[in-house]
Amino acid sequence: MAAISDDDVERVRALVAAIPPGKVGTYGDIADVAGLSSPRIVGWIMRTDSADLPWHRVIGVTGRPAPHLRRTQLENLRAEGVPINDGRVSMRQARFDFSSAGH
């Protein structure tokens, strides 16, 4: 994995914090906006430094949460009104457009 700077971590944290309730962002979207080379870097940052963030709003592009997060993440997203069908977030309806937020 590429070296991750404190600035990278802060950019990712700011982008995750900017996702409003009822919307989700993908690891790839965040990586693109943050100028990172891989969505996996976002995943690593989220695993190590996201306890105080709305981590549940970050999901894979397929709309399915990771198995170990599935129940909690889907419960949190449902509570915010995110459309979910058969355990999958409706990305067409819920995907946050970072470009419209000035990022």
PDB file of N, CA and C in Angstrom:
ATOM      1  N   MET A   1       0.843  -1.175   0.000  1.00  0.00           N
ATOM      2  CA  MET A   1       0.000   0.000   0.000  1.00  0.00           C
ATOM      3  C   MET A   1       0.889   1.240   0.000  1.00  0.00           C
ATOM      4  N   ALA A   2       0.417   2.272  -0.674  1.00  0.00           N
ATOM      5  CA  ALA A   2       1.160   3.533  -0.739  1.00  0.00           C
ATOM      6  C   ALA A   2       1.247   4.156   0.656  1.00  0.00           C
ATOM      7  N   ALA A   3       2.273   4.966   0.848  1.00  0.00           N
ATOM      8  CA  ALA A   3       2.415   5.675   2.116  1.00  0.00           C
ATOM      9  C   ALA A   3       1.220   6.598   2.307  1.00  0.00           C
ATOM     10  N   ILE A   4       0.721   6.644   3.530  1.00  0.00           N
ATOM     11  CA  ILE A   4      -0.461   7.451   3.841  1.00  0.00           C
ATOM     12  C   ILE A   4      -0.022   8.573   4.769  1.00  0.00           C
ATOM     13  N   SER A   5      -0.294   9.795   4.338  1.00  0.00           N
ATOM     14  CA  SER A   5       0.108  10.952   5.137  1.00  0.00           C
ATOM     15  C   SER A   5      -1.031  11.383   6.062  1.00  0.00           C
ATOM     16  N   ASP A   6      -0.686  12.222   7.015  1.00  0.00           N
ATOM     17  CA  ASP A   6      -1.709  12.799   7.891  1.00  0.00           C
ATOM     18  C   ASP A   6      -2.711  13.607   7.072  1.00  0.00           C
ATOM     19  N   ASP A   7      -2.241  14.267   6.022  1.00  0.00           N
ATOM     20  CA  ASP A   7      -3.147  15.024   5.147  1.00  0.00           C
ATOM     21  C   ASP A   7      -4.138  14.100   4.454  1.00  0.00           C
ATOM     22  N   ASP A   8      -3.684  12.921   4.011  1.00  0.00           N
ATOM     23  CA  ASP A   8      -4.587  11.942   3.395  1.00  0.00           C
ATOM     24  C   ASP A   8      -5.684  11.540   4.373  1.00  0.00           C
ATOM     25  N   VAL A   9      -5.279  11.244   5.593  1.00  0.00           N
ATOM     26  CA  VAL A   9      -6.237  10.839   6.623  1.00  0.00           C
ATOM     27  C   VAL A   9      -7.248  11.955   6.857  1.00  0.00           C
ATOM     28  N   GLU A  10      -6.792  13.175   6.968  1.00  0.00           N
ATOM     29  CA  GLU A  10      -7.696  14.294   7.236  1.00  0.00           C
ATOM     30  C   GLU A  10      -8.644  14.552   6.059  1.00  0.00           C
ATOM     31  N   ARG A  11      -8.160  14.398   4.822  1.00  0.00           N
ATOM     32  CA  ARG A  11      -9.043  14.555   3.653  1.00  0.00           C
ATOM     33  C   ARG A  11     -10.148  13.499   3.668  1.00  0.00           C
ATOM     34  N   VAL A  12      -9.770  12.263   3.929  1.00  0.00           N
ATOM     35  CA  VAL A  12     -10.774  11.192   3.979  1.00  0.00           C
ATOM     36  C   VAL A  12     -11.765  11.454   5.102  1.00  0.00           C
ATOM     37  N   ARG A  13     -11.273  11.820   6.256  1.00  0.00           N
ATOM     38  CA  ARG A  13     -12.166  12.096   7.395  1.00  0.00           C
ATOM     39  C   ARG A  13     -13.147  13.216   7.052  1.00  0.00           C
ATOM     40  N   ALA A  14     -12.672  14.269   6.411  1.00  0.00           N
ATOM     41  CA  ALA A  14     -13.548  15.392   6.047  1.00  0.00           C
ATOM     42  C   ALA A  14     -14.598  14.955   5.034  1.00  0.00           C
ATOM     43  N   LEU A  15     -14.217  14.130   4.086  1.00  0.00           N
ATOM     44  CA  LEU A  15     -15.173  13.659   3.077  1.00  0.00           C
ATOM     45  C   LEU A  15     -16.236  12.763   3.702  1.00  0.00           C
ATOM     46  N   VAL A  16     -15.833  11.875   4.576  1.00  0.00           N
ATOM     47  CA  VAL A  16     -16.809  11.004   5.247  1.00  0.00           C
ATOM     48  C   VAL A  16     -17.756  11.848   6.097  1.00  0.00           C
ATOM     49  N   ALA A  17     -17.219  12.815   6.804  1.00  0.00           N
ATOM     50  CA  ALA A  17     -18.055  13.681   7.640  1.00  0.00           C
ATOM     51  C   ALA A  17     -19.043  14.491   6.808  1.00  0.00           C
ATOM     52  N   ALA A  18     -18.722  14.733   5.534  1.00  0.00           N
ATOM     53  CA  ALA A  18     -19.587  15.542   4.665  1.00  0.00           C
ATOM     54  C   ALA A  18     -20.769  14.764   4.081  1.00  0.00           C
ATOM     55  N   ILE A  19     -20.758  13.443   4.196  1.00  0.00           N
ATOM     56  CA  ILE A  19     -21.868  12.646   3.649  1.00  0.00           C
ATOM     57  C   ILE A  19     -23.082  12.859   4.553  1.00  0.00           C
ATOM     58  N   PRO A  20     -24.169  13.395   4.005  1.00  0.00           N
ATOM     59  CA  PRO A  20     -25.326  13.691   4.852  1.00  0.00           C
ATOM     60  C   PRO A  20     -26.135  12.438   5.196  1.00  0.00           C
ATOM     61  N   PRO A  21     -26.915  12.517   6.260  1.00  0.00           N
ATOM     62  CA  PRO A  21     -27.815  11.404   6.576  1.00  0.00           C
ATOM     63  C   PRO A  21     -28.703  11.092   5.371  1.00  0.00           C
ATOM     64  N   GLY A  22     -28.934   9.807   5.150  1.00  0.00           N
ATOM     65  CA  GLY A  22     -29.764   9.385   4.032  1.00  0.00           C
ATOM     66  C   GLY A  22     -28.993   9.153   2.751  1.00  0.00           C
ATOM     67  N   LYS A  23     -27.692   9.395   2.779  1.00  0.00           N
ATOM     68  CA  LYS A  23     -26.837   9.199   1.603  1.00  0.00           C
ATOM     69  C   LYS A  23     -25.666   8.297   1.972  1.00  0.00           C
ATOM     70  N   VAL A  24     -25.030   7.731   0.958  1.00  0.00           N
ATOM     71  CA  VAL A  24     -23.825   6.918   1.162  1.00  0.00           C
ATOM     72  C   VAL A  24     -22.768   7.342   0.151  1.00  0.00           C
ATOM     73  N   GLY A  25     -21.530   7.113   0.505  1.00  0.00           N
ATOM     74  CA  GLY A  25     -20.416   7.312  -0.414  1.00  0.00           C
ATOM     75  C   GLY A  25     -19.677   6.003  -0.555  1.00  0.00           C
ATOM     76  N   THR A  26     -19.043   5.795  -1.691  1.00  0.00           N
ATOM     77  CA  THR A  26     -18.275   4.565  -1.865  1.00  0.00           C
ATOM     78  C   THR A  26     -16.806   4.832  -1.534  1.00  0.00           C
ATOM     79  N   TYR A  27     -16.120   3.750  -1.239  1.00  0.00           N
ATOM     80  CA  TYR A  27     -14.681   3.847  -0.988  1.00  0.00           C
ATOM     81  C   TYR A  27     -13.981   4.451  -2.203  1.00  0.00           C
ATOM     82  N   GLY A  28     -14.409   4.045  -3.385  1.00  0.00           N
ATOM     83  CA  GLY A  28     -13.806   4.555  -4.613  1.00  0.00           C
ATOM     84  C   GLY A  28     -14.070   6.028  -4.839  1.00  0.00           C
ATOM     85  N   ASP A  29     -15.324   6.461  -4.576  1.00  0.00           N
ATOM     86  CA  ASP A  29     -15.650   7.885  -4.723  1.00  0.00           C
ATOM     87  C   ASP A  29     -14.764   8.731  -3.814  1.00  0.00           C
ATOM     88  N   ILE A  30     -14.634   8.281  -2.584  1.00  0.00           N
ATOM     89  CA  ILE A  30     -13.832   9.034  -1.610  1.00  0.00           C
ATOM     90  C   ILE A  30     -12.365   9.046  -2.032  1.00  0.00           C
ATOM     91  N   ALA A  31     -11.860   7.912  -2.487  1.00  0.00           N
ATOM     92  CA  ALA A  31     -10.470   7.857  -2.949  1.00  0.00           C
ATOM     93  C   ALA A  31     -10.251   8.821  -4.106  1.00  0.00           C
ATOM     94  N   ASP A  32     -11.183   8.850  -5.062  1.00  0.00           N
ATOM     95  CA  ASP A  32     -11.048   9.748  -6.213  1.00  0.00           C
ATOM     96  C   ASP A  32     -11.012  11.207  -5.779  1.00  0.00           C
ATOM     97  N   VAL A  33     -11.952  11.595  -4.942  1.00  0.00           N
ATOM     98  CA  VAL A  33     -12.034  13.002  -4.520  1.00  0.00           C
ATOM     99  C   VAL A  33     -10.829  13.380  -3.662  1.00  0.00           C
ATOM    100  N   ALA A  34     -10.353  12.435  -2.851  1.00  0.00           N
ATOM    101  CA  ALA A  34      -9.207  12.704  -1.973  1.00  0.00           C
ATOM    102  C   ALA A  34      -7.868  12.611  -2.706  1.00  0.00           C
ATOM    103  N   GLY A  35      -7.892  12.179  -3.970  1.00  0.00           N
ATOM    104  CA  GLY A  35      -6.654  12.065  -4.733  1.00  0.00           C
ATOM    105  C   GLY A  35      -5.803  10.876  -4.331  1.00  0.00           C
ATOM    106  N   LEU A  36      -6.443   9.826  -3.846  1.00  0.00           N
ATOM    107  CA  LEU A  36      -5.715   8.626  -3.427  1.00  0.00           C
ATOM    108  C   LEU A  36      -5.690   7.607  -4.557  1.00  0.00           C
ATOM    109  N   SER A  37      -4.704   6.754  -4.550  1.00  0.00           N
ATOM    110  CA  SER A  37      -4.511   5.812  -5.653  1.00  0.00           C
ATOM    111  C   SER A  37      -5.414   4.589  -5.591  1.00  0.00           C
ATOM    112  N   SER A  38      -6.048   4.334  -4.444  1.00  0.00           N
ATOM    113  CA  SER A  38      -6.839   3.118  -4.314  1.00  0.00           C
ATOM    114  C   SER A  38      -7.937   3.271  -3.258  1.00  0.00           C
ATOM    115  N   PRO A  39      -9.104   2.680  -3.502  1.00  0.00           N
ATOM    116  CA  PRO A  39     -10.152   2.646  -2.478  1.00  0.00           C
ATOM    117  C   PRO A  39      -9.703   1.895  -1.225  1.00  0.00           C
ATOM    118  N   ARG A  40      -8.750   1.005  -1.377  1.00  0.00           N
ATOM    119  CA  ARG A  40      -8.262   0.254  -0.215  1.00  0.00           C
ATOM    120  C   ARG A  40      -7.610   1.165   0.827  1.00  0.00           C
ATOM    121  N   ILE A  41      -7.041   2.261   0.367  1.00  0.00           N
ATOM    122  CA  ILE A  41      -6.464   3.225   1.317  1.00  0.00           C
ATOM    123  C   ILE A  41      -7.580   3.820   2.171  1.00  0.00           C
ATOM    124  N   VAL A  42      -8.705   4.133   1.537  1.00  0.00           N
ATOM    125  CA  VAL A  42      -9.857   4.646   2.292  1.00  0.00           C
ATOM    126  C   VAL A  42     -10.311   3.599   3.305  1.00  0.00           C
ATOM    127  N   GLY A  43     -10.382   2.347   2.886  1.00  0.00           N
ATOM    128  CA  GLY A  43     -10.763   1.272   3.797  1.00  0.00           C
ATOM    129  C   GLY A  43      -9.829   1.171   4.981  1.00  0.00           C
ATOM    130  N   TRP A  44      -8.528   1.286   4.727  1.00  0.00           N
ATOM    131  CA  TRP A  44      -7.559   1.217   5.811  1.00  0.00           C
ATOM    132  C   TRP A  44      -7.765   2.381   6.783  1.00  0.00           C
ATOM    133  N   ILE A  45      -7.945   3.578   6.245  1.00  0.00           N
ATOM    134  CA  ILE A  45      -8.163   4.753   7.097  1.00  0.00           C
ATOM    135  C   ILE A  45      -9.443   4.571   7.913  1.00  0.00           C
ATOM    136  N   MET A  46     -10.491   4.070   7.268  1.00  0.00           N
ATOM    137  CA  MET A  46     -11.756   3.868   7.976  1.00  0.00           C
ATOM    138  C   MET A  46     -11.604   2.837   9.097  1.00  0.00           C
ATOM    139  N   ARG A  47     -10.812   1.801   8.874  1.00  0.00           N
ATOM    140  CA  ARG A  47     -10.616   0.784   9.917  1.00  0.00           C
ATOM    141  C   ARG A  47      -9.829   1.324  11.102  1.00  0.00           C
ATOM    142  N   THR A  48      -8.956   2.290  10.849  1.00  0.00           N
ATOM    143  CA  THR A  48      -8.054   2.736  11.906  1.00  0.00           C
ATOM    144  C   THR A  48      -8.433   4.070  12.541  1.00  0.00           C
ATOM    145  N   ASP A  49      -9.294   4.867  11.866  1.00  0.00           N
ATOM    146  CA  ASP A  49      -9.541   6.220  12.383  1.00  0.00           C
ATOM    147  C   ASP A  49     -10.925   6.734  11.978  1.00  0.00           C
ATOM    148  N   SER A  50     -11.983   6.014  12.394  1.00  0.00           N
ATOM    149  CA  SER A  50     -13.310   6.483  11.996  1.00  0.00           C
ATOM    150  C   SER A  50     -14.363   6.341  13.084  1.00  0.00           C
ATOM    151  N   ALA A  51     -13.961   6.020  14.291  1.00  0.00           N
ATOM    152  CA  ALA A  51     -14.935   5.782  15.354  1.00  0.00           C
ATOM    153  C   ALA A  51     -15.849   6.982  15.587  1.00  0.00           C
ATOM    154  N   ASP A  52     -15.346   8.185  15.349  1.00  0.00           N
ATOM    155  CA  ASP A  52     -16.141   9.392  15.590  1.00  0.00           C
ATOM    156  C   ASP A  52     -16.817   9.910  14.320  1.00  0.00           C
ATOM    157  N   LEU A  53     -16.810   9.116  13.261  1.00  0.00           N
ATOM    158  CA  LEU A  53     -17.392   9.516  11.975  1.00  0.00           C
ATOM    159  C   LEU A  53     -18.630   8.674  11.659  1.00  0.00           C
ATOM    160  N   PRO A  54     -19.448   9.120  10.706  1.00  0.00           N
ATOM    161  CA  PRO A  54     -20.576   8.300  10.277  1.00  0.00           C
ATOM    162  C   PRO A  54     -20.088   7.195   9.329  1.00  0.00           C
ATOM    163  N   TRP A  55     -19.300   6.282   9.870  1.00  0.00           N
ATOM    164  CA  TRP A  55     -18.645   5.220   9.103  1.00  0.00           C
ATOM    165  C   TRP A  55     -19.644   4.389   8.302  1.00  0.00           C
ATOM    166  N   HIS A  56     -20.854   4.272   8.830  1.00  0.00           N
ATOM    167  CA  HIS A  56     -21.863   3.430   8.182  1.00  0.00           C
ATOM    168  C   HIS A  56     -22.302   3.983   6.826  1.00  0.00           C
ATOM    169  N   ARG A  57     -21.986   5.234   6.534  1.00  0.00           N
ATOM    170  CA  ARG A  57     -22.351   5.846   5.252  1.00  0.00           C
ATOM    171  C   ARG A  57     -21.336   5.566   4.150  1.00  0.00           C
ATOM    172  N   VAL A  58     -20.286   4.819   4.468  1.00  0.00           N
ATOM    173  CA  VAL A  58     -19.282   4.451   3.465  1.00  0.00           C
ATOM    174  C   VAL A  58     -19.470   2.968   3.141  1.00  0.00           C
ATOM    175  N   ILE A  59     -19.640   2.687   1.862  1.00  0.00           N
ATOM    176  CA  ILE A  59     -20.002   1.328   1.445  1.00  0.00           C
ATOM    177  C   ILE A  59     -19.321   1.006   0.114  1.00  0.00           C
ATOM    178  N   GLY A  60     -19.235  -0.254  -0.180  1.00  0.00           N
ATOM    179  CA  GLY A  60     -18.684  -0.664  -1.465  1.00  0.00           C
ATOM    180  C   GLY A  60     -19.617  -0.300  -2.606  1.00  0.00           C
ATOM    181  N   VAL A  61     -19.096  -0.228  -3.793  1.00  0.00           N
ATOM    182  CA  VAL A  61     -19.855   0.209  -4.968  1.00  0.00           C
ATOM    183  C   VAL A  61     -21.039  -0.714  -5.279  1.00  0.00           C
ATOM    184  N   THR A  62     -20.988  -1.951  -4.811  1.00  0.00           N
ATOM    185  CA  THR A  62     -22.094  -2.875  -5.052  1.00  0.00           C
ATOM    186  C   THR A  62     -23.299  -2.577  -4.169  1.00  0.00           C
ATOM    187  N   GLY A  63     -23.100  -1.776  -3.134  1.00  0.00           N
ATOM    188  CA  GLY A  63     -24.184  -1.475  -2.210  1.00  0.00           C
ATOM    189  C   GLY A  63     -24.335  -2.480  -1.085  1.00  0.00           C
ATOM    190  N   ARG A  64     -23.493  -3.486  -1.087  1.00  0.00           N
ATOM    191  CA  ARG A  64     -23.542  -4.495  -0.017  1.00  0.00           C
ATOM    192  C   ARG A  64     -22.458  -4.195   1.020  1.00  0.00           C
ATOM    193  N   PRO A  65     -22.843  -4.179   2.279  1.00  0.00           N
ATOM    194  CA  PRO A  65     -21.832  -3.963   3.318  1.00  0.00           C
ATOM    195  C   PRO A  65     -20.959  -5.201   3.508  1.00  0.00           C
ATOM    196  N   ALA A  66     -19.825  -4.988   4.133  1.00  0.00           N
ATOM    197  CA  ALA A  66     -18.952  -6.111   4.481  1.00  0.00           C
ATOM    198  C   ALA A  66     -19.712  -7.033   5.435  1.00  0.00           C
ATOM    199  N   PRO A  67     -19.526  -8.338   5.306  1.00  0.00           N
ATOM    200  CA  PRO A  67     -20.284  -9.277   6.141  1.00  0.00           C
ATOM    201  C   PRO A  67     -20.196  -8.999   7.640  1.00  0.00           C
ATOM    202  N   HIS A  68     -19.027  -8.619   8.125  1.00  0.00           N
ATOM    203  CA  HIS A  68     -18.876  -8.391   9.564  1.00  0.00           C
ATOM    204  C   HIS A  68     -19.553  -7.096  10.034  1.00  0.00           C
ATOM    205  N   LEU A  69     -19.939  -6.232   9.117  1.00  0.00           N
ATOM    206  CA  LEU A  69     -20.611  -4.976   9.459  1.00  0.00           C
ATOM    207  C   LEU A  69     -22.080  -4.971   9.057  1.00  0.00           C
ATOM    208  N   ARG A  70     -22.496  -5.973   8.338  1.00  0.00           N
ATOM    209  CA  ARG A  70     -23.788  -5.998   7.666  1.00  0.00           C
ATOM    210  C   ARG A  70     -24.966  -5.559   8.544  1.00  0.00           C
ATOM    211  N   ARG A  71     -25.203  -6.256   9.624  1.00  0.00           N
ATOM    212  CA  ARG A  71     -26.387  -5.974  10.439  1.00  0.00           C
ATOM    213  C   ARG A  71     -26.380  -4.541  10.967  1.00  0.00           C
ATOM    214  N   THR A  72     -25.287  -4.143  11.600  1.00  0.00           N
ATOM    215  CA  THR A  72     -25.200  -2.808  12.191  1.00  0.00           C
ATOM    216  C   THR A  72     -25.257  -1.720  11.129  1.00  0.00           C
ATOM    217  N   GLN A  73     -24.531  -1.906  10.044  1.00  0.00           N
ATOM    218  CA  GLN A  73     -24.502  -0.879   9.004  1.00  0.00           C
ATOM    219  C   GLN A  73     -25.873  -0.718   8.365  1.00  0.00           C
ATOM    220  N   LEU A  74     -26.536  -1.802   8.032  1.00  0.00           N
ATOM    221  CA  LEU A  74     -27.856  -1.695   7.412  1.00  0.00           C
ATOM    222  C   LEU A  74     -28.884  -1.099   8.372  1.00  0.00           C
ATOM    223  N   GLU A  75     -28.808  -1.449   9.645  1.00  0.00           N
ATOM    224  CA  GLU A  75     -29.715  -0.849  10.642  1.00  0.00           C
ATOM    225  C   GLU A  75     -29.517   0.661  10.701  1.00  0.00           C
ATOM    226  N   ASN A  76     -28.268   1.093  10.757  1.00  0.00           N
ATOM    227  CA  ASN A  76     -27.979   2.533  10.821  1.00  0.00           C
ATOM    228  C   ASN A  76     -28.469   3.251   9.569  1.00  0.00           C
ATOM    229  N   LEU A  77     -28.241   2.651   8.408  1.00  0.00           N
ATOM    230  CA  LEU A  77     -28.656   3.283   7.158  1.00  0.00           C
ATOM    231  C   LEU A  77     -30.183   3.318   7.035  1.00  0.00           C
ATOM    232  N   ARG A  78     -30.849   2.236   7.412  1.00  0.00           N
ATOM    233  CA  ARG A  78     -32.328   2.222   7.392  1.00  0.00           C
ATOM    234  C   ARG A  78     -32.886   3.323   8.286  1.00  0.00           C
ATOM    235  N   ALA A  79     -32.285   3.494   9.456  1.00  0.00           N
ATOM    236  CA  ALA A  79     -32.751   4.519  10.404  1.00  0.00           C
ATOM    237  C   ALA A  79     -32.640   5.921   9.811  1.00  0.00           C
ATOM    238  N   GLU A  80     -31.738   6.113   8.856  1.00  0.00           N
ATOM    239  CA  GLU A  80     -31.561   7.408   8.197  1.00  0.00           C
ATOM    240  C   GLU A  80     -32.397   7.533   6.925  1.00  0.00           C
ATOM    241  N   GLY A  81     -33.134   6.474   6.591  1.00  0.00           N
ATOM    242  CA  GLY A  81     -33.981   6.536   5.409  1.00  0.00           C
ATOM    243  C   GLY A  81     -33.322   6.115   4.113  1.00  0.00           C
ATOM    244  N   VAL A  82     -32.167   5.468   4.192  1.00  0.00           N
ATOM    245  CA  VAL A  82     -31.489   4.991   2.984  1.00  0.00           C
ATOM    246  C   VAL A  82     -32.294   3.817   2.420  1.00  0.00           C
ATOM    247  N   PRO A  83     -32.628   3.864   1.125  1.00  0.00           N
ATOM    248  CA  PRO A  83     -33.378   2.758   0.530  1.00  0.00           C
ATOM    249  C   PRO A  83     -32.515   1.495   0.407  1.00  0.00           C
ATOM    250  N   ILE A  84     -33.037   0.410   0.960  1.00  0.00           N
ATOM    251  CA  ILE A  84     -32.323  -0.861   0.970  1.00  0.00           C
ATOM    252  C   ILE A  84     -33.277  -1.947   0.493  1.00  0.00           C
ATOM    253  N   ASN A  85     -32.809  -2.737  -0.459  1.00  0.00           N
ATOM    254  CA  ASN A  85     -33.582  -3.872  -0.951  1.00  0.00           C
ATOM    255  C   ASN A  85     -32.720  -5.121  -0.889  1.00  0.00           C
ATOM    256  N   ASP A  86     -33.235  -6.154  -0.226  1.00  0.00           N
ATOM    257  CA  ASP A  86     -32.557  -7.444  -0.151  1.00  0.00           C
ATOM    258  C   ASP A  86     -31.114  -7.309   0.335  1.00  0.00           C
ATOM    259  N   GLY A  87     -30.914  -6.498   1.376  1.00  0.00           N
ATOM    260  CA  GLY A  87     -29.588  -6.345   1.964  1.00  0.00           C
ATOM    261  C   GLY A  87     -28.614  -5.505   1.174  1.00  0.00           C
ATOM    262  N   ARG A  88     -29.127  -4.771   0.190  1.00  0.00           N
ATOM    263  CA  ARG A  88     -28.263  -3.949  -0.664  1.00  0.00           C
ATOM    264  C   ARG A  88     -28.815  -2.530  -0.726  1.00  0.00           C
ATOM    265  N   VAL A  89     -27.927  -1.570  -0.571  1.00  0.00           N
ATOM    266  CA  VAL A  89     -28.300  -0.162  -0.687  1.00  0.00           C
ATOM    267  C   VAL A  89     -28.615   0.149  -2.150  1.00  0.00           C
ATOM    268  N   SER A  90     -29.685   0.878  -2.382  1.00  0.00           N
ATOM    269  CA  SER A  90     -29.991   1.336  -3.738  1.00  0.00           C
ATOM    270  C   SER A  90     -29.049   2.489  -4.062  1.00  0.00           C
ATOM    271  N   MET A  91     -27.954   2.163  -4.730  1.00  0.00           N
ATOM    272  CA  MET A  91     -26.927   3.159  -5.004  1.00  0.00           C
ATOM    273  C   MET A  91     -27.450   4.268  -5.910  1.00  0.00           C
ATOM    274  N   ARG A  92     -28.328   3.944  -6.815  1.00  0.00           N
ATOM    275  CA  ARG A  92     -28.878   4.956  -7.720  1.00  0.00           C
ATOM    276  C   ARG A  92     -29.597   6.065  -6.929  1.00  0.00           C
ATOM    277  N   GLN A  93     -30.251   5.685  -5.864  1.00  0.00           N
ATOM    278  CA  GLN A  93     -30.998   6.659  -5.069  1.00  0.00           C
ATOM    279  C   GLN A  93     -30.169   7.283  -3.948  1.00  0.00           C
ATOM    280  N   ALA A  94     -29.259   6.527  -3.379  1.00  0.00           N
ATOM    281  CA  ALA A  94     -28.598   6.970  -2.153  1.00  0.00           C
ATOM    282  C   ALA A  94     -27.167   7.471  -2.319  1.00  0.00           C
ATOM    283  N   ARG A  95     -26.566   7.280  -3.470  1.00  0.00           N
ATOM    284  CA  ARG A  95     -25.148   7.656  -3.637  1.00  0.00           C
ATOM    285  C   ARG A  95     -24.979   9.157  -3.600  1.00  0.00           C
ATOM    286  N   PHE A  96     -24.102   9.599  -2.725  1.00  0.00           N
ATOM    287  CA  PHE A  96     -23.818  11.020  -2.545  1.00  0.00           C
ATOM    288  C   PHE A  96     -22.933  11.522  -3.671  1.00  0.00           C
ATOM    289  N   ASP A  97     -23.275  12.678  -4.186  1.00  0.00           N
ATOM    290  CA  ASP A  97     -22.493  13.322  -5.261  1.00  0.00           C
ATOM    291  C   ASP A  97     -21.544  14.326  -4.613  1.00  0.00           C
ATOM    292  N   PHE A  98     -20.300  13.937  -4.446  1.00  0.00           N
ATOM    293  CA  PHE A  98     -19.329  14.809  -3.796  1.00  0.00           C
ATOM    294  C   PHE A  98     -19.096  16.093  -4.588  1.00  0.00           C
ATOM    295  N   SER A  99     -19.246  16.034  -5.900  1.00  0.00           N
ATOM    296  CA  SER A  99     -19.001  17.235  -6.702  1.00  0.00           C
ATOM    297  C   SER A  99     -20.057  18.315  -6.440  1.00  0.00           C
ATOM    298  N   SER A 100     -21.257  17.906  -6.085  1.00  0.00           N
ATOM    299  CA  SER A 100     -22.290  18.899  -5.783  1.00  0.00           C
ATOM    300  C   SER A 100     -22.105  19.526  -4.413  1.00  0.00           C
ATOM    301  N   ALA A 101     -21.240  18.932  -3.623  1.00  0.00           N
ATOM    302  CA  ALA A 101     -20.970  19.451  -2.274  1.00  0.00           C
ATOM    303  C   ALA A 101     -19.726  20.326  -2.246  1.00  0.00           C
ATOM    304  N   GLY A 102     -19.163  20.618  -3.417  1.00  0.00           N
ATOM    305  CA  GLY A 102     -18.008  21.492  -3.468  1.00  0.00           C
ATOM    306  C   GLY A 102     -16.686  20.788  -3.233  1.00  0.00           C
ATOM    307  N   HIS A 103     -16.666  19.467  -3.349  1.00  0.00           N
ATOM    308  CA  HIS A 103     -15.409  18.722  -3.154  1.00  0.00           C
ATOM    309  C   HIS A 103     -14.820  18.345  -4.492  1.00  0.00           C
TER     310      HIS A 103
END
